[in-house]
Amino acid sequence: MTEERTTLLRQRMIEDMRFPGISERAEQAHIRAIQNFAAFSVHSPDTATLKELRPYQLRMIDAGITPSTLNARIVAHILA
């Protein structure tokens, strides 16, 4: 069994998502969205600018991501 390392950003996101009504499934989706962006970007997600987010948004649109998934991923970046 491998132990997953929790970064400061991930810990902050987990704490920020303790709002009533956010399901564990939504929390996991937010975390995956940040992981996807981190794989795309050369910078840490918590230091990325809106200018850096735009190419990622365009890539998701080109990949056929649904509007609801796109919106969920953008919300995840706001929480980050």
PDB file of N, CA and C in Angstrom:
ATOM      1  N   MET A   1       0.848  -1.189   0.000  1.00  0.00           N
ATOM      2  CA  MET A   1       0.000   0.000   0.000  1.00  0.00           C
ATOM      3  C   MET A   1       0.886   1.243   0.000  1.00  0.00           C
ATOM      4  N   THR A   2       0.577   2.177  -0.896  1.00  0.00           N
ATOM      5  CA  THR A   2       1.363   3.394  -0.963  1.00  0.00           C
ATOM      6  C   THR A   2       0.639   4.522  -0.253  1.00  0.00           C
ATOM      7  N   GLU A   3       1.404   5.332   0.395  1.00  0.00           N
ATOM      8  CA  GLU A   3       0.834   6.475   1.105  1.00  0.00           C
ATOM      9  C   GLU A   3       0.883   7.690   0.188  1.00  0.00           C
ATOM     10  N   GLU A   4      -0.252   8.349   0.020  1.00  0.00           N
ATOM     11  CA  GLU A   4      -0.318   9.524  -0.849  1.00  0.00           C
ATOM     12  C   GLU A   4       0.168  10.751  -0.088  1.00  0.00           C
ATOM     13  N   ARG A   5       1.070  11.492  -0.729  1.00  0.00           N
ATOM     14  CA  ARG A   5       1.619  12.699  -0.119  1.00  0.00           C
ATOM     15  C   ARG A   5       0.606  13.837  -0.276  1.00  0.00           C
ATOM     16  N   THR A   6       0.335  14.539   0.790  1.00  0.00           N
ATOM     17  CA  THR A   6      -0.579  15.667   0.747  1.00  0.00           C
ATOM     18  C   THR A   6       0.230  16.956   0.730  1.00  0.00           C
ATOM     19  N   THR A   7       0.095  17.698  -0.386  1.00  0.00           N
ATOM     20  CA  THR A   7       0.794  18.967  -0.493  1.00  0.00           C
ATOM     21  C   THR A   7       0.018  20.031   0.279  1.00  0.00           C
ATOM     22  N   LEU A   8       0.649  21.164   0.492  1.00  0.00           N
ATOM     23  CA  LEU A   8      -0.031  22.264   1.167  1.00  0.00           C
ATOM     24  C   LEU A   8      -1.243  22.728   0.358  1.00  0.00           C
ATOM     25  N   LEU A   9      -1.103  22.777  -0.968  1.00  0.00           N
ATOM     26  CA  LEU A   9      -2.225  23.174  -1.812  1.00  0.00           C
ATOM     27  C   LEU A   9      -3.381  22.199  -1.671  1.00  0.00           C
ATOM     28  N   ARG A  10      -3.089  20.907  -1.729  1.00  0.00           N
ATOM     29  CA  ARG A  10      -4.146  19.892  -1.605  1.00  0.00           C
ATOM     30  C   ARG A  10      -4.823  19.999  -0.234  1.00  0.00           C
ATOM     31  N   GLN A  11      -4.039  20.173   0.812  1.00  0.00           N
ATOM     32  CA  GLN A  11      -4.604  20.291   2.160  1.00  0.00           C
ATOM     33  C   GLN A  11      -5.507  21.517   2.250  1.00  0.00           C
ATOM     34  N   ARG A  12      -5.072  22.634   1.660  1.00  0.00           N
ATOM     35  CA  ARG A  12      -5.892  23.847   1.681  1.00  0.00           C
ATOM     36  C   ARG A  12      -7.190  23.637   0.921  1.00  0.00           C
ATOM     37  N   MET A  13      -7.118  22.958  -0.218  1.00  0.00           N
ATOM     38  CA  MET A  13      -8.332  22.679  -0.983  1.00  0.00           C
ATOM     39  C   MET A  13      -9.300  21.815  -0.177  1.00  0.00           C
ATOM     40  N   ILE A  14      -8.776  20.806   0.477  1.00  0.00           N
ATOM     41  CA  ILE A  14      -9.624  19.919   1.289  1.00  0.00           C
ATOM     42  C   ILE A  14     -10.304  20.722   2.392  1.00  0.00           C
ATOM     43  N   GLU A  15      -9.564  21.595   3.034  1.00  0.00           N
ATOM     44  CA  GLU A  15     -10.144  22.437   4.088  1.00  0.00           C
ATOM     45  C   GLU A  15     -11.195  23.382   3.520  1.00  0.00           C
ATOM     46  N   ASP A  16     -10.913  23.979   2.351  1.00  0.00           N
ATOM     47  CA  ASP A  16     -11.851  24.923   1.737  1.00  0.00           C
ATOM     48  C   ASP A  16     -13.131  24.245   1.261  1.00  0.00           C
ATOM     49  N   MET A  17     -13.073  22.965   0.983  1.00  0.00           N
ATOM     50  CA  MET A  17     -14.254  22.254   0.480  1.00  0.00           C
ATOM     51  C   MET A  17     -15.107  21.659   1.599  1.00  0.00           C
ATOM     52  N   ARG A  18     -14.898  22.085   2.808  1.00  0.00           N
ATOM     53  CA  ARG A  18     -15.692  21.588   3.924  1.00  0.00           C
ATOM     54  C   ARG A  18     -17.024  22.306   4.048  1.00  0.00           C
ATOM     55  N   PHE A  19     -17.386  23.091   3.035  1.00  0.00           N
ATOM     56  CA  PHE A  19     -18.666  23.786   3.043  1.00  0.00           C
ATOM     57  C   PHE A  19     -19.799  22.769   3.065  1.00  0.00           C
ATOM     58  N   PRO A  20     -20.882  23.078   3.748  1.00  0.00           N
ATOM     59  CA  PRO A  20     -22.032  22.165   3.742  1.00  0.00           C
ATOM     60  C   PRO A  20     -22.543  21.981   2.318  1.00  0.00           C
ATOM     61  N   GLY A  21     -22.879  20.755   1.987  1.00  0.00           N
ATOM     62  CA  GLY A  21     -23.476  20.476   0.689  1.00  0.00           C
ATOM     63  C   GLY A  21     -22.505  20.036  -0.383  1.00  0.00           C
ATOM     64  N   ILE A  22     -21.200  20.128  -0.150  1.00  0.00           N
ATOM     65  CA  ILE A  22     -20.245  19.648  -1.139  1.00  0.00           C
ATOM     66  C   ILE A  22     -19.986  18.171  -0.859  1.00  0.00           C
ATOM     67  N   SER A  23     -20.322  17.355  -1.846  1.00  0.00           N
ATOM     68  CA  SER A  23     -20.185  15.914  -1.667  1.00  0.00           C
ATOM     69  C   SER A  23     -18.729  15.477  -1.830  1.00  0.00           C
ATOM     70  N   GLU A  24     -18.448  14.297  -1.344  1.00  0.00           N
ATOM     71  CA  GLU A  24     -17.099  13.749  -1.497  1.00  0.00           C
ATOM     72  C   GLU A  24     -16.778  13.578  -2.983  1.00  0.00           C
ATOM     73  N   ARG A  25     -17.770  13.226  -3.758  1.00  0.00           N
ATOM     74  CA  ARG A  25     -17.583  13.076  -5.210  1.00  0.00           C
ATOM     75  C   ARG A  25     -17.163  14.415  -5.845  1.00  0.00           C
ATOM     76  N   ALA A  26     -17.804  15.497  -5.418  1.00  0.00           N
ATOM     77  CA  ALA A  26     -17.446  16.824  -5.932  1.00  0.00           C
ATOM     78  C   ALA A  26     -16.040  17.203  -5.491  1.00  0.00           C
ATOM     79  N   GLU A  27     -15.697  16.883  -4.263  1.00  0.00           N
ATOM     80  CA  GLU A  27     -14.346  17.158  -3.778  1.00  0.00           C
ATOM     81  C   GLU A  27     -13.316  16.440  -4.633  1.00  0.00           C
ATOM     82  N   GLN A  28     -13.551  15.169  -4.917  1.00  0.00           N
ATOM     83  CA  GLN A  28     -12.618  14.392  -5.735  1.00  0.00           C
ATOM     84  C   GLN A  28     -12.520  14.959  -7.153  1.00  0.00           C
ATOM     85  N   ALA A  29     -13.643  15.435  -7.694  1.00  0.00           N
ATOM     86  CA  ALA A  29     -13.632  16.051  -9.028  1.00  0.00           C
ATOM     87  C   ALA A  29     -12.790  17.319  -9.028  1.00  0.00           C
ATOM     88  N   HIS A  30     -12.891  18.118  -7.977  1.00  0.00           N
ATOM     89  CA  HIS A  30     -12.087  19.342  -7.870  1.00  0.00           C
ATOM     90  C   HIS A  30     -10.597  19.000  -7.803  1.00  0.00           C
ATOM     91  N   ILE A  31     -10.265  18.003  -7.032  1.00  0.00           N
ATOM     92  CA  ILE A  31      -8.864  17.598  -6.900  1.00  0.00           C
ATOM     93  C   ILE A  31      -8.336  17.075  -8.234  1.00  0.00           C
ATOM     94  N   ARG A  32      -9.135  16.263  -8.939  1.00  0.00           N
ATOM     95  CA  ARG A  32      -8.720  15.769 -10.255  1.00  0.00           C
ATOM     96  C   ARG A  32      -8.520  16.917 -11.246  1.00  0.00           C
ATOM     97  N   ALA A  33      -9.393  17.914 -11.176  1.00  0.00           N
ATOM     98  CA  ALA A  33      -9.265  19.064 -12.079  1.00  0.00           C
ATOM     99  C   ALA A  33      -7.939  19.778 -11.868  1.00  0.00           C
ATOM    100  N   ILE A  34      -7.551  19.953 -10.634  1.00  0.00           N
ATOM    101  CA  ILE A  34      -6.277  20.610 -10.340  1.00  0.00           C
ATOM    102  C   ILE A  34      -5.113  19.725 -10.786  1.00  0.00           C
ATOM    103  N   GLN A  35      -5.230  18.417 -10.593  1.00  0.00           N
ATOM    104  CA  GLN A  35      -4.184  17.507 -11.057  1.00  0.00           C
ATOM    105  C   GLN A  35      -4.040  17.587 -12.580  1.00  0.00           C
ATOM    106  N   ASN A  36      -5.159  17.642 -13.300  1.00  0.00           N
ATOM    107  CA  ASN A  36      -5.121  17.749 -14.759  1.00  0.00           C
ATOM    108  C   ASN A  36      -4.446  19.045 -15.188  1.00  0.00           C
ATOM    109  N   PHE A  37      -4.782  20.132 -14.517  1.00  0.00           N
ATOM    110  CA  PHE A  37      -4.156  21.404 -14.857  1.00  0.00           C
ATOM    111  C   PHE A  37      -2.660  21.371 -14.544  1.00  0.00           C
ATOM    112  N   ALA A  38      -2.295  20.776 -13.433  1.00  0.00           N
ATOM    113  CA  ALA A  38      -0.880  20.687 -13.055  1.00  0.00           C
ATOM    114  C   ALA A  38      -0.090  19.912 -14.102  1.00  0.00           C
ATOM    115  N   ALA A  39      -0.697  18.886 -14.684  1.00  0.00           N
ATOM    116  CA  ALA A  39      -0.022  18.116 -15.725  1.00  0.00           C
ATOM    117  C   ALA A  39       0.134  18.939 -17.002  1.00  0.00           C
ATOM    118  N   PHE A  40      -0.777  19.875 -17.238  1.00  0.00           N
ATOM    119  CA  PHE A  40      -0.742  20.728 -18.422  1.00  0.00           C
ATOM    120  C   PHE A  40       0.219  21.895 -18.254  1.00  0.00           C
ATOM    121  N   SER A  41       0.241  22.479 -17.083  1.00  0.00           N
ATOM    122  CA  SER A  41       0.964  23.723 -16.831  1.00  0.00           C
ATOM    123  C   SER A  41       2.407  23.471 -16.408  1.00  0.00           C
ATOM    124  N   VAL A  42       3.238  24.471 -16.618  1.00  0.00           N
ATOM    125  CA  VAL A  42       4.618  24.389 -16.149  1.00  0.00           C
ATOM    126  C   VAL A  42       4.761  24.969 -14.743  1.00  0.00           C
ATOM    127  N   HIS A  43       3.699  25.605 -14.246  1.00  0.00           N
ATOM    128  CA  HIS A  43       3.733  26.212 -12.915  1.00  0.00           C
ATOM    129  C   HIS A  43       2.824  25.437 -11.961  1.00  0.00           C
ATOM    130  N   SER A  44       3.049  25.627 -10.697  1.00  0.00           N
ATOM    131  CA  SER A  44       2.168  25.055  -9.683  1.00  0.00           C
ATOM    132  C   SER A  44       0.779  25.674  -9.839  1.00  0.00           C
ATOM    133  N   PRO A  45      -0.284  24.884  -9.693  1.00  0.00           N
ATOM    134  CA  PRO A  45      -1.634  25.425  -9.856  1.00  0.00           C
ATOM    135  C   PRO A  45      -1.941  26.617  -8.960  1.00  0.00           C
ATOM    136  N   ASP A  46      -1.336  26.676  -7.785  1.00  0.00           N
ATOM    137  CA  ASP A  46      -1.644  27.787  -6.880  1.00  0.00           C
ATOM    138  C   ASP A  46      -0.915  29.074  -7.246  1.00  0.00           C
ATOM    139  N   THR A  47      -0.018  29.020  -8.233  1.00  0.00           N
ATOM    140  CA  THR A  47       0.646  30.243  -8.680  1.00  0.00           C
ATOM    141  C   THR A  47       0.292  30.594 -10.118  1.00  0.00           C
ATOM    142  N   ALA A  48      -0.560  29.801 -10.748  1.00  0.00           N
ATOM    143  CA  ALA A  48      -0.956  30.060 -12.135  1.00  0.00           C
ATOM    144  C   ALA A  48      -1.827  31.306 -12.215  1.00  0.00           C
ATOM    145  N   THR A  49      -1.686  32.011 -13.312  1.00  0.00           N
ATOM    146  CA  THR A  49      -2.467  33.221 -13.542  1.00  0.00           C
ATOM    147  C   THR A  49      -3.647  32.921 -14.461  1.00  0.00           C
ATOM    148  N   LEU A  50      -4.581  33.860 -14.540  1.00  0.00           N
ATOM    149  CA  LEU A  50      -5.701  33.696 -15.463  1.00  0.00           C
ATOM    150  C   LEU A  50      -5.207  33.579 -16.901  1.00  0.00           C
ATOM    151  N   LYS A  51      -4.129  34.281 -17.219  1.00  0.00           N
ATOM    152  CA  LYS A  51      -3.552  34.212 -18.560  1.00  0.00           C
ATOM    153  C   LYS A  51      -3.077  32.786 -18.878  1.00  0.00           C
ATOM    154  N   GLU A  52      -2.566  32.088 -17.884  1.00  0.00           N
ATOM    155  CA  GLU A  52      -2.112  30.708 -18.074  1.00  0.00           C
ATOM    156  C   GLU A  52      -3.282  29.726 -18.123  1.00  0.00           C
ATOM    157  N   LEU A  53      -4.399  30.093 -17.541  1.00  0.00           N
ATOM    158  CA  LEU A  53      -5.566  29.214 -17.512  1.00  0.00           C
ATOM    159  C   LEU A  53      -6.265  29.155 -18.869  1.00  0.00           C
ATOM    160  N   ARG A  54      -6.216  30.242 -19.626  1.00  0.00           N
ATOM    161  CA  ARG A  54      -6.921  30.296 -20.901  1.00  0.00           C
ATOM    162  C   ARG A  54      -6.494  29.203 -21.889  1.00  0.00           C
ATOM    163  N   PRO A  55      -5.189  28.971 -22.126  1.00  0.00           N
ATOM    164  CA  PRO A  55      -4.814  27.889 -23.048  1.00  0.00           C
ATOM    165  C   PRO A  55      -5.330  26.521 -22.587  1.00  0.00           C
ATOM    166  N   TYR A  56      -5.383  26.330 -21.283  1.00  0.00           N
ATOM    167  CA  TYR A  56      -5.917  25.079 -20.736  1.00  0.00           C
ATOM    168  C   TYR A  56      -7.413  24.966 -21.042  1.00  0.00           C
ATOM    169  N   GLN A  57      -8.142  26.067 -20.877  1.00  0.00           N
ATOM    170  CA  GLN A  57      -9.565  26.069 -21.206  1.00  0.00           C
ATOM    171  C   GLN A  57      -9.769  25.733 -22.686  1.00  0.00           C
ATOM    172  N   LEU A  58      -8.986  26.345 -23.547  1.00  0.00           N
ATOM    173  CA  LEU A  58      -9.116  26.089 -24.981  1.00  0.00           C
ATOM    174  C   LEU A  58      -8.789  24.637 -25.318  1.00  0.00           C
ATOM    175  N   ARG A  59      -7.797  24.077 -24.651  1.00  0.00           N
ATOM    176  CA  ARG A  59      -7.465  22.665 -24.886  1.00  0.00           C
ATOM    177  C   ARG A  59      -8.627  21.765 -24.473  1.00  0.00           C
ATOM    178  N   MET A  60      -9.269  22.076 -23.344  1.00  0.00           N
ATOM    179  CA  MET A  60     -10.411  21.269 -22.904  1.00  0.00           C
ATOM    180  C   MET A  60     -11.553  21.365 -23.917  1.00  0.00           C
ATOM    181  N   ILE A  61     -11.805  22.562 -24.444  1.00  0.00           N
ATOM    182  CA  ILE A  61     -12.861  22.743 -25.443  1.00  0.00           C
ATOM    183  C   ILE A  61     -12.530  21.935 -26.689  1.00  0.00           C
ATOM    184  N   ASP A  62     -11.290  22.012 -27.158  1.00  0.00           N
ATOM    185  CA  ASP A  62     -10.866  21.256 -28.339  1.00  0.00           C
ATOM    186  C   ASP A  62     -10.978  19.746 -28.115  1.00  0.00           C
ATOM    187  N   ALA A  63     -10.803  19.322 -26.870  1.00  0.00           N
ATOM    188  CA  ALA A  63     -10.891  17.894 -26.539  1.00  0.00           C
ATOM    189  C   ALA A  63     -12.335  17.424 -26.392  1.00  0.00           C
ATOM    190  N   GLY A  64     -13.291  18.368 -26.484  1.00  0.00           N
ATOM    191  CA  GLY A  64     -14.697  17.991 -26.396  1.00  0.00           C
ATOM    192  C   GLY A  64     -15.249  17.872 -24.993  1.00  0.00           C
ATOM    193  N   ILE A  65     -14.585  18.498 -24.048  1.00  0.00           N
ATOM    194  CA  ILE A  65     -15.082  18.487 -22.664  1.00  0.00           C
ATOM    195  C   ILE A  65     -16.449  19.172 -22.635  1.00  0.00           C
ATOM    196  N   THR A  66     -17.392  18.600 -21.913  1.00  0.00           N
ATOM    197  CA  THR A  66     -18.728  19.187 -21.843  1.00  0.00           C
ATOM    198  C   THR A  66     -18.695  20.500 -21.068  1.00  0.00           C
ATOM    199  N   PRO A  67     -19.646  21.392 -21.344  1.00  0.00           N
ATOM    200  CA  PRO A  67     -19.685  22.663 -20.611  1.00  0.00           C
ATOM    201  C   PRO A  67     -19.767  22.481 -19.093  1.00  0.00           C
ATOM    202  N   SER A  68     -20.511  21.491 -18.628  1.00  0.00           N
ATOM    203  CA  SER A  68     -20.621  21.304 -17.175  1.00  0.00           C
ATOM    204  C   SER A  68     -19.288  20.859 -16.572  1.00  0.00           C
ATOM    205  N   THR A  69     -18.552  20.007 -17.272  1.00  0.00           N
ATOM    206  CA  THR A  69     -17.237  19.587 -16.787  1.00  0.00           C
ATOM    207  C   THR A  69     -16.269  20.754 -16.832  1.00  0.00           C
ATOM    208  N   LEU A  70     -16.318  21.525 -17.902  1.00  0.00           N
ATOM    209  CA  LEU A  70     -15.465  22.704 -18.016  1.00  0.00           C
ATOM    210  C   LEU A  70     -15.719  23.654 -16.852  1.00  0.00           C
ATOM    211  N   ASN A  71     -16.982  23.916 -16.560  1.00  0.00           N
ATOM    212  CA  ASN A  71     -17.323  24.805 -15.450  1.00  0.00           C
ATOM    213  C   ASN A  71     -16.832  24.248 -14.119  1.00  0.00           C
ATOM    214  N   ALA A  72     -16.985  22.947 -13.913  1.00  0.00           N
ATOM    215  CA  ALA A  72     -16.534  22.332 -12.661  1.00  0.00           C
ATOM    216  C   ALA A  72     -15.028  22.472 -12.502  1.00  0.00           C
ATOM    217  N   ARG A  73     -14.306  22.322 -13.604  1.00  0.00           N
ATOM    218  CA  ARG A  73     -12.852  22.441 -13.534  1.00  0.00           C
ATOM    219  C   ARG A  73     -12.443  23.879 -13.249  1.00  0.00           C
ATOM    220  N   ILE A  74     -13.152  24.829 -13.806  1.00  0.00           N
ATOM    221  CA  ILE A  74     -12.838  26.232 -13.553  1.00  0.00           C
ATOM    222  C   ILE A  74     -13.119  26.580 -12.094  1.00  0.00           C
ATOM    223  N   VAL A  75     -14.199  26.081 -11.554  1.00  0.00           N
ATOM    224  CA  VAL A  75     -14.515  26.303 -10.134  1.00  0.00           C
ATOM    225  C   VAL A  75     -13.403  25.720  -9.266  1.00  0.00           C
ATOM    226  N   ALA A  76     -12.885  24.579  -9.652  1.00  0.00           N
ATOM    227  CA  ALA A  76     -11.790  23.976  -8.877  1.00  0.00           C
ATOM    228  C   ALA A  76     -10.585  24.903  -8.830  1.00  0.00           C
ATOM    229  N   HIS A  77     -10.323  25.591  -9.924  1.00  0.00           N
ATOM    230  CA  HIS A  77      -9.190  26.519  -9.942  1.00  0.00           C
ATOM    231  C   HIS A  77      -9.450  27.729  -9.068  1.00  0.00           C
ATOM    232  N   ILE A  78     -10.686  28.142  -8.977  1.00  0.00           N
ATOM    233  CA  ILE A  78     -11.034  29.261  -8.094  1.00  0.00           C
ATOM    234  C   ILE A  78     -10.803  28.867  -6.650  1.00  0.00           C
ATOM    235  N   LEU A  79     -11.136  27.621  -6.309  1.00  0.00           N
ATOM    236  CA  LEU A  79     -10.929  27.144  -4.935  1.00  0.00           C
ATOM    237  C   LEU A  79      -9.453  26.968  -4.616  1.00  0.00           C
ATOM    238  N   ALA A  80      -8.644  26.730  -5.634  1.00  0.00           N
ATOM    239  CA  ALA A  80      -7.220  26.432  -5.392  1.00  0.00           C
ATOM    240  C   ALA A  80      -6.452  27.616  -4.935  1.00  0.00           C
TER     241      ALA A  80
END
